[in-house]
Amino acid sequence: MKDLVFDFISKYISLTEDERNAILSTDLFQSVKKGTVLLREGQKSKESYFVLKGCIRVYYIKDGEEKTTAFCTEMDAFTPHCVINKTPSEYFISCVEDTTLTVSNSEMEAEINSKFPKFEIMCRMLSEELLAKQRIDFDEFKTSSPEQRYLNLLQKRPDLIQRVPQHQLASYLGIKPQSLSRLRSRILEKSKE
C-alpha cells in the first residue's frame, strides 16, 4: 500500500529518501471495515482522507432520506468542509467496502510541509485539480437528465455500478431506485435496437 502512495506522489513531485522516510514515520495508514462511519453529521473533525483501496461515500440525511453526493475510490482524496471551516460536519462519510486509506490531519500536514516545502506545492496542485473536477461534475449534474447522468457514470466511473448498492447509486444520480431500474431497462432496450 505504501508503494501506491509513493507512485501517486511521484506524478507530482520527486521524493528523496528522507522525504519517503518522513511519510513512513507518520501513522497515516488505516484499514477500515465496510459500514464503518468515518464522520457523522454534527461531529467535528481534523481528518482528511486518501483512498488507497476501497470506496467511501459522502451523504446527507434530509427528511429521513439519505442523499449521496460523492463516492471516493482508489486514488481519490477528500477533505471534509468541516475540517477547513472548523465547524461541525453537515454530512456523513462511511465505507461502502472494506477500505484502506491514509488519514491525515492539519497538524501532521503542517509539520511535513514545514520540513519539506515541496509537499505544500503538491497539495496545492491536488487541490486545484480537485476543485476543477468538482466544478465540472457539478455543472454536468445540473445540466443533464437522469439518463445522461447514468450514461456519464457508465463512461467515467463504470466500477461504481458493480461496487455500490443500487439505492445509493440512485441517490447519487438524484433519482429513486425504481427510476434507476426503469432507466437501466430503457437503456438496455435501446442498445438492442
Protein backbone atom coordinates (compact mmCIF):
# COMPACT_ATOMS: atom_id res chain seq x y z
CA MET A 1 0.00 0.00 0.00
CA LYS A 2 2.82 2.38 0.76
CA ASP A 3 4.09 1.93 -2.80
CA LEU A 4 0.70 3.11 -4.09
CA VAL A 5 1.12 6.35 -2.15
CA PHE A 6 4.63 6.89 -3.46
CA ASP A 7 3.57 6.11 -7.04
CA PHE A 8 0.78 8.66 -6.73
CA ILE A 9 3.08 11.32 -5.23
CA SER A 10 5.65 10.75 -7.99
CA LYS A 11 3.11 12.08 -10.51
CA TYR A 12 3.52 15.49 -8.88
CA ILE A 13 6.92 15.65 -7.18
CA SER A 14 10.01 13.50 -6.76
CA LEU A 15 10.91 12.34 -3.26
CA THR A 16 14.25 11.99 -1.55
CA GLU A 17 14.86 9.09 0.79
CA ASP A 18 14.41 11.47 3.79
CA GLU A 19 11.02 12.57 2.47
CA ARG A 20 9.91 8.96 1.92
CA ASN A 21 11.00 8.10 5.45
CA ALA A 22 9.18 11.14 6.86
CA ILE A 23 5.95 9.88 5.29
CA LEU A 24 6.54 6.35 6.55
CA SER A 25 7.19 7.64 10.08
CA THR A 26 3.70 9.13 10.30
CA ASP A 27 0.79 6.98 11.36
CA LEU A 28 -1.11 7.54 8.12
CA PHE A 29 -2.38 4.14 7.03
CA GLN A 30 -5.66 2.65 8.25
CA SER A 31 -7.75 -0.33 7.24
CA VAL A 32 -11.46 0.17 7.85
CA LYS A 33 -14.33 -2.31 7.60
CA LYS A 34 -17.32 -1.94 5.28
CA GLY A 35 -20.10 0.02 7.00
CA THR A 36 -17.77 1.99 9.27
CA VAL A 37 -18.83 5.62 9.67
CA LEU A 38 -15.74 7.83 9.43
CA LEU A 39 -17.60 11.08 10.11
CA ARG A 40 -21.08 11.82 11.43
CA GLU A 41 -23.29 14.85 10.97
CA GLY A 42 -22.65 17.27 13.85
CA GLN A 43 -19.19 15.84 14.58
CA LYS A 44 -16.07 18.00 14.38
CA SER A 45 -13.02 16.58 12.63
CA LYS A 46 -9.49 17.44 11.61
CA GLU A 47 -9.06 14.41 9.35
CA SER A 48 -8.54 14.26 5.59
CA TYR A 49 -8.68 11.02 3.63
CA PHE A 50 -6.90 9.48 0.67
CA VAL A 51 -8.36 6.19 -0.55
CA LEU A 52 -5.78 3.55 -1.46
CA LYS A 53 -8.22 0.67 -1.86
CA GLY A 54 -11.98 0.56 -1.41
CA CYS A 55 -14.79 3.08 -1.55
CA ILE A 56 -16.15 5.75 0.80
CA ARG A 57 -19.44 7.58 0.41
CA VAL A 58 -20.41 11.12 1.37
CA TYR A 59 -24.10 11.61 2.18
CA TYR A 60 -26.57 13.88 3.91
CA ILE A 61 -29.74 12.82 5.69
CA LYS A 62 -32.60 15.12 4.68
CA ASP A 63 -36.14 14.43 5.88
CA GLY A 64 -35.05 10.95 6.96
CA GLU A 65 -33.70 10.10 3.50
CA GLU A 66 -30.03 9.59 2.55
CA LYS A 67 -28.78 11.89 -0.22
CA THR A 68 -25.45 10.68 -1.62
CA THR A 69 -23.24 13.42 -3.03
CA ALA A 70 -19.92 11.66 -3.65
CA PHE A 71 -18.09 8.37 -3.88
CA CYS A 72 -14.33 8.34 -3.37
CA THR A 73 -12.44 5.33 -4.69
CA GLU A 74 -8.82 4.43 -5.35
CA MET A 75 -6.51 7.45 -5.56
CA ASP A 76 -9.23 9.93 -4.56
CA ALA A 77 -8.55 12.49 -1.85
CA PHE A 78 -11.26 14.02 0.32
CA THR A 79 -11.10 16.75 2.93
CA PRO A 80 -14.46 17.37 4.64
CA HIS A 81 -15.66 21.00 4.67
CA CYS A 82 -15.81 20.91 8.46
CA VAL A 83 -12.02 20.47 8.60
CA ILE A 84 -11.45 23.65 6.64
CA ASN A 85 -14.26 25.66 8.28
CA LYS A 86 -13.62 24.23 11.78
CA THR A 87 -17.36 23.67 12.19
CA PRO A 88 -19.44 20.55 12.87
CA SER A 89 -19.97 18.35 9.82
CA GLU A 90 -23.21 18.70 7.86
CA TYR A 91 -22.90 15.20 6.40
CA PHE A 92 -21.75 11.63 6.96
CA ILE A 93 -18.83 9.72 5.46
CA SER A 94 -18.93 5.93 5.53
CA CYS A 95 -17.18 2.96 3.95
CA VAL A 96 -19.10 1.22 1.16
CA GLU A 97 -16.43 -1.52 1.10
CA ASP A 98 -13.55 -2.64 3.28
CA THR A 99 -11.23 0.31 2.72
CA THR A 100 -7.56 1.09 3.12
CA LEU A 101 -6.81 4.79 3.33
CA THR A 102 -4.44 7.37 4.62
CA VAL A 103 -5.82 9.59 7.34
CA SER A 104 -4.01 12.84 7.99
CA ASN A 105 -4.76 15.97 9.96
CA SER A 106 -3.78 19.61 9.61
CA GLU A 107 -1.07 19.44 12.30
CA MET A 108 0.57 16.45 10.63
CA GLU A 109 0.37 18.14 7.23
CA ALA A 110 1.81 21.41 8.60
CA GLU A 111 4.73 19.54 10.14
CA ILE A 112 5.54 17.69 6.91
CA ASN A 113 5.08 20.88 4.83
CA SER A 114 7.43 22.86 7.07
CA LYS A 115 10.13 20.18 6.82
CA PHE A 116 9.56 19.52 3.12
CA PRO A 117 8.05 22.56 1.32
CA LYS A 118 7.50 20.70 -1.94
CA PHE A 119 4.67 18.76 -0.26
CA GLU A 120 2.81 22.03 0.05
CA ILE A 121 3.26 22.56 -3.70
CA MET A 122 1.87 19.07 -4.36
CA CYS A 123 -1.10 19.70 -2.05
CA ARG A 124 -1.87 22.94 -3.86
CA MET A 125 -1.72 21.18 -7.25
CA LEU A 126 -4.02 18.42 -5.93
CA SER A 127 -6.45 20.98 -4.51
CA GLU A 128 -6.60 22.84 -7.82
CA GLU A 129 -7.24 19.59 -9.73
CA LEU A 130 -9.93 18.53 -7.27
CA LEU A 131 -11.66 21.91 -7.38
CA ALA A 132 -11.72 21.88 -11.20
CA LYS A 133 -13.05 18.29 -11.26
CA GLN A 134 -15.78 19.11 -8.74
CA ARG A 135 -16.82 22.15 -10.77
CA ILE A 136 -17.08 20.05 -13.95
CA ASP A 137 -19.01 17.31 -12.11
CA PHE A 138 -21.41 19.85 -10.59
CA ASP A 139 -22.03 21.56 -13.94
CA GLU A 140 -22.60 18.21 -15.68
CA PHE A 141 -25.04 17.15 -12.95
CA LYS A 142 -27.02 20.40 -13.11
CA THR A 143 -27.25 20.45 -16.91
CA SER A 144 -28.05 16.79 -17.62
CA SER A 145 -31.05 14.50 -17.40
CA PRO A 146 -31.01 11.42 -15.13
CA GLU A 147 -30.37 9.25 -18.21
CA GLN A 148 -27.43 11.43 -19.26
CA ARG A 149 -26.06 11.27 -15.68
CA TYR A 150 -26.25 7.49 -15.71
CA LEU A 151 -24.60 7.23 -19.14
CA ASN A 152 -21.91 9.64 -17.96
CA LEU A 153 -21.35 7.46 -14.89
CA LEU A 154 -21.09 4.37 -17.11
CA GLN A 155 -18.46 6.14 -19.18
CA LYS A 156 -16.39 7.81 -16.45
CA ARG A 157 -16.82 5.53 -13.41
CA PRO A 158 -18.18 2.16 -14.55
CA ASP A 159 -16.72 0.41 -11.49
CA LEU A 160 -19.30 2.12 -9.26
CA ILE A 161 -22.12 0.23 -10.98
CA GLN A 162 -20.74 -3.05 -9.58
CA ARG A 163 -19.42 -1.73 -6.27
CA VAL A 164 -22.22 0.43 -4.91
CA PRO A 165 -25.73 -0.67 -3.80
CA GLN A 166 -28.43 0.42 -6.25
CA HIS A 167 -30.24 2.67 -3.74
CA GLN A 168 -27.01 4.61 -3.07
CA LEU A 169 -26.28 4.88 -6.79
CA ALA A 170 -29.82 6.14 -7.44
CA SER A 171 -29.43 8.74 -4.68
CA TYR A 172 -26.12 9.86 -6.21
CA LEU A 173 -27.85 10.29 -9.59
CA GLY A 174 -30.68 12.26 -7.96
CA ILE A 175 -33.41 9.67 -8.64
CA LYS A 176 -35.34 6.94 -6.81
CA PRO A 177 -34.15 3.29 -7.01
CA GLN A 178 -37.27 2.36 -9.03
CA SER A 179 -36.46 5.09 -11.55
CA LEU A 180 -32.92 3.74 -11.86
CA SER A 181 -34.28 0.26 -12.62
CA ARG A 182 -36.56 1.68 -15.33
CA LEU A 183 -33.75 3.81 -16.72
CA ARG A 184 -31.41 0.78 -16.94
CA SER A 185 -34.13 -1.23 -18.72
CA ARG A 186 -34.72 1.60 -21.20
CA ILE A 187 -31.01 1.90 -21.96
CA LEU A 188 -30.74 -1.88 -22.38
CA GLU A 189 -33.68 -1.88 -24.82
CA LYS A 190 -32.10 0.97 -26.84
CA SER A 191 -28.81 -0.94 -27.06
CA LYS A 192 -30.65 -3.97 -28.55
CA GLU A 193 -32.17 -1.91 -31.37
